[in-house]
Structure formats: C-alpha cells, structure tokens
Amino acid sequence: MNEYLPRRRAAACALAAVVFGLAPGFAAQARAEQVGEVSTVWKLIGPDHKVVVEAYDDPRVEGVTCYVSRAKTGGLSGAVGLAEDRSDASIACRQVGPIRVREALPRQEEVFSERLSVLFKRLQVVRIVDPKRNVLVYLTYSDKLIEGSPKNSVTAVAVDRATPITLRR
C-alpha cells in the first residue's frame, strides 16, 4: 500500500472543507441558535419557505446577543441543501446582561458566517468598534463569490463608559 495515500486523502479532505466552507475560521465564531420561524409559502413536497430568527451571542463580548432574521428556502431543493437562500437579512443586537469585554477587540471582526448556498453565498455578521462613542456596531450582509451583494443591515449597542472597549493593536 502507498504510504503517502493517507496524507493525500487528509489533504484532499482539508481542501474540500475549506472550499465548501466547512472548516472553522481562525477568529472566534458565534453559533446560531434558532429562536423562531414563520412559514411564508406552503410547499407540497419538502419544507415550507420560511423566515427564521436566529440568536448569536458575541463570542468576545459577554452580555450582547444579535438576532438575525433571514429567508430560508424550502421545497425539495431546500430539503436536500441545494437551494440558494435570498440575500435579505435583518439584524438587531441588544444588551442582554452586564457587558464585559473579554479581551482587546480588533477594530473590525467577523463574528458569524454561515453558508446560504452550496458553493457561493454566505451570510456574515461583522462587529465594528466605534471607540470614540464606546459603541459596538454590528453589520450583517450576504455576499457572492463573484458579484457581491448590496443587501445589508446594521445595528449598534452602546456600552457604558465605565466599561471601556480596548482595541487590539
């Protein structure tokens, strides 16, 4: 048996994970927790088209949760994971407890990313620090590999001045 075969197989699996967005990023990533959904179109075969609401706790800022609503395609293609969800999304981030910044934050950081189609589209949530106002700004948008997307939504969480936000250098 070829001794390099296991290494090549591992390398191919790693490459596939990166290409298909299955590998975790280097930054701390929030995890989605679905908190609700409404059906928008009934489908005879497969799940209905829906609008889902998901919660994401900021992994570096304790006490801040973002709620993102987005369309989720149903039907047969949605059931097998081949559907391309729409780019529309809305975000509202709120203080849900005492805010504690766990470590110095980069000026801008992706805190969540999720694939919306098999190959190309992703929904992203980016935290932007506004140190002058001591505010955390959260932007959600979706992008495509080739043409991008102008659809986006923004929200902000004011942090008490007694809790300064330190920027990473």
C-alpha atoms as a PDB file:
ATOM      1  CA  MET A   1       0.000   0.000   0.000  1.00  0.00           C
ATOM      2  CA  ASN A   2       1.236   3.502  -0.809  1.00  0.00           C
ATOM      3  CA  GLU A   3       2.471   5.208   2.402  1.00  0.00           C
ATOM      4  CA  TYR A   4       1.522   8.668   1.056  1.00  0.00           C
ATOM      5  CA  LEU A   5      -2.123   7.743   0.428  1.00  0.00           C
ATOM      6  CA  PRO A   6      -3.368   8.650   3.950  1.00  0.00           C
ATOM      7  CA  ARG A   7      -1.610  12.051   3.740  1.00  0.00           C
ATOM      8  CA  ARG A   8      -3.056  12.756   0.314  1.00  0.00           C
ATOM      9  CA  ARG A   9      -6.519  11.730   1.499  1.00  0.00           C
ATOM     10  CA  ALA A  10      -6.221  14.024   4.561  1.00  0.00           C
ATOM     11  CA  ALA A  11      -5.017  16.899   2.371  1.00  0.00           C
ATOM     12  CA  ALA A  12      -7.924  16.373  -0.047  1.00  0.00           C
ATOM     13  CA  CYS A  13     -10.422  16.371   2.858  1.00  0.00           C
ATOM     14  CA  ALA A  14      -8.906  19.574   4.265  1.00  0.00           C
ATOM     15  CA  LEU A  15      -9.076  21.251   0.847  1.00  0.00           C
ATOM     16  CA  ALA A  16     -12.715  20.185   0.428  1.00  0.00           C
ATOM     17  CA  ALA A  17     -13.545  21.557   3.885  1.00  0.00           C
ATOM     18  CA  VAL A  18     -12.044  24.939   3.001  1.00  0.00           C
ATOM     19  CA  VAL A  19     -13.699  25.078  -0.445  1.00  0.00           C
ATOM     20  CA  PHE A  20     -17.121  24.159   0.905  1.00  0.00           C
ATOM     21  CA  GLY A  21     -16.842  26.370   3.993  1.00  0.00           C
ATOM     22  CA  LEU A  22     -16.802  23.525   6.490  1.00  0.00           C
ATOM     23  CA  ALA A  23     -13.525  24.410   8.187  1.00  0.00           C
ATOM     24  CA  PRO A  24     -13.796  26.705  11.212  1.00  0.00           C
ATOM     25  CA  GLY A  25     -12.289  30.177  10.844  1.00  0.00           C
ATOM     26  CA  PHE A  26      -9.369  31.450  12.860  1.00  0.00           C
ATOM     27  CA  ALA A  27     -11.478  34.087  14.641  1.00  0.00           C
ATOM     28  CA  ALA A  28     -13.874  33.214  17.430  1.00  0.00           C
ATOM     29  CA  GLN A  29     -17.186  32.420  15.759  1.00  0.00           C
ATOM     30  CA  ALA A  30     -20.639  32.740  17.261  1.00  0.00           C
ATOM     31  CA  ARG A  31     -23.008  29.796  16.950  1.00  0.00           C
ATOM     32  CA  ALA A  32     -26.553  30.163  15.680  1.00  0.00           C
ATOM     33  CA  GLU A  33     -29.494  29.245  17.880  1.00  0.00           C
ATOM     34  CA  GLN A  34     -32.848  29.320  16.120  1.00  0.00           C
ATOM     35  CA  VAL A  35     -35.390  31.090  18.320  1.00  0.00           C
ATOM     36  CA  GLY A  36     -38.358  31.167  15.934  1.00  0.00           C
ATOM     37  CA  GLU A  37     -39.683  30.845  12.401  1.00  0.00           C
ATOM     38  CA  VAL A  38     -42.735  31.646  10.315  1.00  0.00           C
ATOM     39  CA  SER A  39     -43.822  29.888   7.128  1.00  0.00           C
ATOM     40  CA  THR A  40     -44.238  32.186   4.144  1.00  0.00           C
ATOM     41  CA  VAL A  41     -45.091  29.739   1.344  1.00  0.00           C
ATOM     42  CA  TRP A  42     -46.587  26.273   1.728  1.00  0.00           C
ATOM     43  CA  LYS A  43     -44.785  23.564  -0.263  1.00  0.00           C
ATOM     44  CA  LEU A  44     -46.376  20.233  -1.187  1.00  0.00           C
ATOM     45  CA  ILE A  45     -43.014  18.438  -1.240  1.00  0.00           C
ATOM     46  CA  GLY A  46     -40.370  19.335   1.311  1.00  0.00           C
ATOM     47  CA  PRO A  47     -40.368  22.035   3.974  1.00  0.00           C
ATOM     48  CA  ASP A  48     -42.178  25.363   3.512  1.00  0.00           C
ATOM     49  CA  HIS A  49     -40.333  28.567   2.624  1.00  0.00           C
ATOM     50  CA  LYS A  50     -39.686  30.382   5.921  1.00  0.00           C
ATOM     51  CA  VAL A  51     -38.319  33.399   7.655  1.00  0.00           C
ATOM     52  CA  VAL A  52     -36.157  32.226  10.558  1.00  0.00           C
ATOM     53  CA  VAL A  53     -34.908  34.213  13.531  1.00  0.00           C
ATOM     54  CA  GLU A  54     -31.583  33.120  14.973  1.00  0.00           C
ATOM     55  CA  ALA A  55     -29.681  34.387  18.020  1.00  0.00           C
ATOM     56  CA  TYR A  56     -25.895  34.800  18.121  1.00  0.00           C
ATOM     57  CA  ASP A  57     -24.058  35.603  21.344  1.00  0.00           C
ATOM     58  CA  ASP A  58     -20.959  37.669  20.612  1.00  0.00           C
ATOM     59  CA  PRO A  59     -18.082  35.293  21.476  1.00  0.00           C
ATOM     60  CA  ARG A  60     -15.790  38.100  22.733  1.00  0.00           C
ATOM     61  CA  VAL A  61     -18.341  40.405  24.354  1.00  0.00           C
ATOM     62  CA  GLU A  62     -20.364  38.897  27.176  1.00  0.00           C
ATOM     63  CA  GLY A  63     -23.863  40.358  27.516  1.00  0.00           C
ATOM     64  CA  VAL A  64     -24.518  41.102  23.809  1.00  0.00           C
ATOM     65  CA  THR A  65     -26.784  38.958  21.629  1.00  0.00           C
ATOM     66  CA  CYS A  66     -27.605  39.589  17.973  1.00  0.00           C
ATOM     67  CA  TYR A  67     -30.881  38.471  16.432  1.00  0.00           C
ATOM     68  CA  VAL A  68     -30.819  37.914  12.669  1.00  0.00           C
ATOM     69  CA  SER A  69     -33.897  37.236  10.572  1.00  0.00           C
ATOM     70  CA  ARG A  70     -33.433  35.737   7.140  1.00  0.00           C
ATOM     71  CA  ALA A  71     -35.270  33.862   4.429  1.00  0.00           C
ATOM     72  CA  LYS A  72     -34.827  30.096   4.247  1.00  0.00           C
ATOM     73  CA  THR A  73     -35.822  28.339   1.032  1.00  0.00           C
ATOM     74  CA  GLY A  74     -37.936  25.222   1.359  1.00  0.00           C
ATOM     75  CA  GLY A  75     -39.228  22.730  -1.161  1.00  0.00           C
ATOM     76  CA  LEU A  76     -37.275  19.761  -2.426  1.00  0.00           C
ATOM     77  CA  SER A  77     -34.118  21.773  -3.146  1.00  0.00           C
ATOM     78  CA  GLY A  78     -34.224  23.274   0.357  1.00  0.00           C
ATOM     79  CA  ALA A  79     -34.712  19.859   1.931  1.00  0.00           C
ATOM     80  CA  VAL A  80     -31.572  18.437   0.313  1.00  0.00           C
ATOM     81  CA  GLY A  81     -29.492  21.584   0.851  1.00  0.00           C
ATOM     82  CA  LEU A  82     -29.209  22.681  -2.787  1.00  0.00           C
ATOM     83  CA  ALA A  83     -31.378  25.809  -2.586  1.00  0.00           C
ATOM     84  CA  GLU A  84     -29.880  29.285  -2.661  1.00  0.00           C
ATOM     85  CA  ASP A  85     -31.443  31.435   0.058  1.00  0.00           C
ATOM     86  CA  ARG A  86     -32.242  35.086  -0.665  1.00  0.00           C
ATOM     87  CA  SER A  87     -29.789  37.778   0.380  1.00  0.00           C
ATOM     88  CA  ASP A  88     -32.330  39.625   2.530  1.00  0.00           C
ATOM     89  CA  ALA A  89     -31.474  39.710   6.236  1.00  0.00           C
ATOM     90  CA  SER A  90     -32.138  41.993   9.174  1.00  0.00           C
ATOM     91  CA  ILE A  91     -30.204  42.327  12.438  1.00  0.00           C
ATOM     92  CA  ALA A  92     -30.919  43.683  15.930  1.00  0.00           C
ATOM     93  CA  CYS A  93     -28.254  43.384  18.628  1.00  0.00           C
ATOM     94  CA  ARG A  94     -29.134  44.037  22.264  1.00  0.00           C
ATOM     95  CA  GLN A  95     -27.593  44.122  25.677  1.00  0.00           C
ATOM     96  CA  VAL A  96     -28.966  41.023  27.418  1.00  0.00           C
ATOM     97  CA  GLY A  97     -26.880  41.258  30.599  1.00  0.00           C
ATOM     98  CA  PRO A  98     -23.918  43.126  32.030  1.00  0.00           C
ATOM     99  CA  ILE A  99     -21.476  43.840  29.209  1.00  0.00           C
ATOM    100  CA  ARG A 100     -17.980  42.506  29.751  1.00  0.00           C
ATOM    101  CA  VAL A 101     -15.396  42.761  27.003  1.00  0.00           C
ATOM    102  CA  ARG A 102     -13.306  39.625  27.482  1.00  0.00           C
ATOM    103  CA  GLU A 103     -10.198  40.865  25.663  1.00  0.00           C
ATOM    104  CA  ALA A 104      -8.932  43.671  23.454  1.00  0.00           C
ATOM    105  CA  LEU A 105     -11.006  43.721  20.264  1.00  0.00           C
ATOM    106  CA  PRO A 106      -9.883  44.265  16.694  1.00  0.00           C
ATOM    107  CA  ARG A 107     -11.385  47.386  15.084  1.00  0.00           C
ATOM    108  CA  GLN A 108     -13.424  45.069  12.819  1.00  0.00           C
ATOM    109  CA  GLU A 109     -14.030  41.324  13.130  1.00  0.00           C
ATOM    110  CA  GLU A 110     -16.334  38.717  11.609  1.00  0.00           C
ATOM    111  CA  VAL A 111     -18.257  37.154  14.494  1.00  0.00           C
ATOM    112  CA  PHE A 112     -20.513  34.869  12.464  1.00  0.00           C
ATOM    113  CA  SER A 113     -20.592  33.343   8.997  1.00  0.00           C
ATOM    114  CA  GLU A 114     -22.965  30.789   7.508  1.00  0.00           C
ATOM    115  CA  ARG A 115     -23.288  29.307   4.026  1.00  0.00           C
ATOM    116  CA  LEU A 116     -26.561  30.128   2.266  1.00  0.00           C
ATOM    117  CA  SER A 117     -25.902  28.088  -0.862  1.00  0.00           C
ATOM    118  CA  VAL A 118     -23.848  25.050  -1.780  1.00  0.00           C
ATOM    119  CA  LEU A 119     -20.896  26.936  -3.227  1.00  0.00           C
ATOM    120  CA  PHE A 120     -21.126  30.691  -3.346  1.00  0.00           C
ATOM    121  CA  LYS A 121     -23.271  32.735  -0.959  1.00  0.00           C
ATOM    122  CA  ARG A 122     -22.578  33.405   2.750  1.00  0.00           C
ATOM    123  CA  LEU A 123     -24.370  35.407   5.435  1.00  0.00           C
ATOM    124  CA  GLN A 124     -21.915  37.294   7.618  1.00  0.00           C
ATOM    125  CA  VAL A 125     -22.100  39.331  10.806  1.00  0.00           C
ATOM    126  CA  VAL A 126     -19.221  41.722  11.409  1.00  0.00           C
ATOM    127  CA  ARG A 127     -18.563  43.648  14.642  1.00  0.00           C
ATOM    128  CA  ILE A 128     -17.088  47.136  14.165  1.00  0.00           C
ATOM    129  CA  VAL A 129     -15.826  49.049  17.204  1.00  0.00           C
ATOM    130  CA  ASP A 130     -16.530  52.792  17.389  1.00  0.00           C
ATOM    131  CA  PRO A 131     -14.124  53.760  20.222  1.00  0.00           C
ATOM    132  CA  LYS A 132     -14.984  57.478  20.106  1.00  0.00           C
ATOM    133  CA  ARG A 133     -18.583  56.738  21.139  1.00  0.00           C
ATOM    134  CA  ASN A 134     -17.838  53.479  23.038  1.00  0.00           C
ATOM    135  CA  VAL A 135     -20.258  51.639  20.749  1.00  0.00           C
ATOM    136  CA  LEU A 136     -20.245  48.196  19.148  1.00  0.00           C
ATOM    137  CA  VAL A 137     -21.706  48.288  15.627  1.00  0.00           C
ATOM    138  CA  TYR A 138     -22.901  45.030  14.059  1.00  0.00           C
ATOM    139  CA  LEU A 139     -23.329  44.727  10.295  1.00  0.00           C
ATOM    140  CA  THR A 140     -24.949  41.792   8.545  1.00  0.00           C
ATOM    141  CA  TYR A 141     -24.619  41.210   4.830  1.00  0.00           C
ATOM    142  CA  SER A 142     -24.512  38.409   2.325  1.00  0.00           C
ATOM    143  CA  ASP A 143     -22.001  38.056  -0.427  1.00  0.00           C
ATOM    144  CA  LYS A 144     -21.400  36.006  -3.505  1.00  0.00           C
ATOM    145  CA  LEU A 145     -18.019  34.835  -4.664  1.00  0.00           C
ATOM    146  CA  ILE A 146     -18.264  36.841  -7.881  1.00  0.00           C
ATOM    147  CA  GLU A 147     -20.746  39.732  -7.789  1.00  0.00           C
ATOM    148  CA  GLY A 148     -21.223  40.613  -4.120  1.00  0.00           C
ATOM    149  CA  SER A 149     -24.475  41.884  -2.692  1.00  0.00           C
ATOM    150  CA  PRO A 150     -25.707  45.336  -1.716  1.00  0.00           C
ATOM    151  CA  LYS A 151     -28.188  43.899   0.812  1.00  0.00           C
ATOM    152  CA  ASN A 152     -27.186  44.683   4.371  1.00  0.00           C
ATOM    153  CA  SER A 153     -28.489  45.733   7.762  1.00  0.00           C
ATOM    154  CA  VAL A 154     -26.809  47.465  10.707  1.00  0.00           C
ATOM    155  CA  THR A 155     -27.437  47.845  14.439  1.00  0.00           C
ATOM    156  CA  ALA A 156     -25.445  49.246  17.371  1.00  0.00           C
ATOM    157  CA  VAL A 157     -25.031  48.557  21.086  1.00  0.00           C
ATOM    158  CA  ALA A 158     -23.894  51.444  23.275  1.00  0.00           C
ATOM    159  CA  VAL A 159     -21.511  50.354  26.017  1.00  0.00           C
ATOM    160  CA  ASP A 160     -21.426  52.251  29.324  1.00  0.00           C
ATOM    161  CA  ARG A 161     -18.303  54.441  29.528  1.00  0.00           C
ATOM    162  CA  ALA A 162     -17.413  52.640  32.781  1.00  0.00           C
ATOM    163  CA  THR A 163     -16.700  49.616  30.543  1.00  0.00           C
ATOM    164  CA  PRO A 164     -14.107  50.906  28.070  1.00  0.00           C
ATOM    165  CA  ILE A 165     -13.588  48.991  24.842  1.00  0.00           C
ATOM    166  CA  THR A 166      -9.887  48.324  24.325  1.00  0.00           C
ATOM    167  CA  LEU A 167      -8.738  47.968  20.741  1.00  0.00           C
ATOM    168  CA  ARG A 168      -6.237  45.301  19.721  1.00  0.00           C
ATOM    169  CA  ARG A 169      -3.130  46.774  18.163  1.00  0.00           C
END
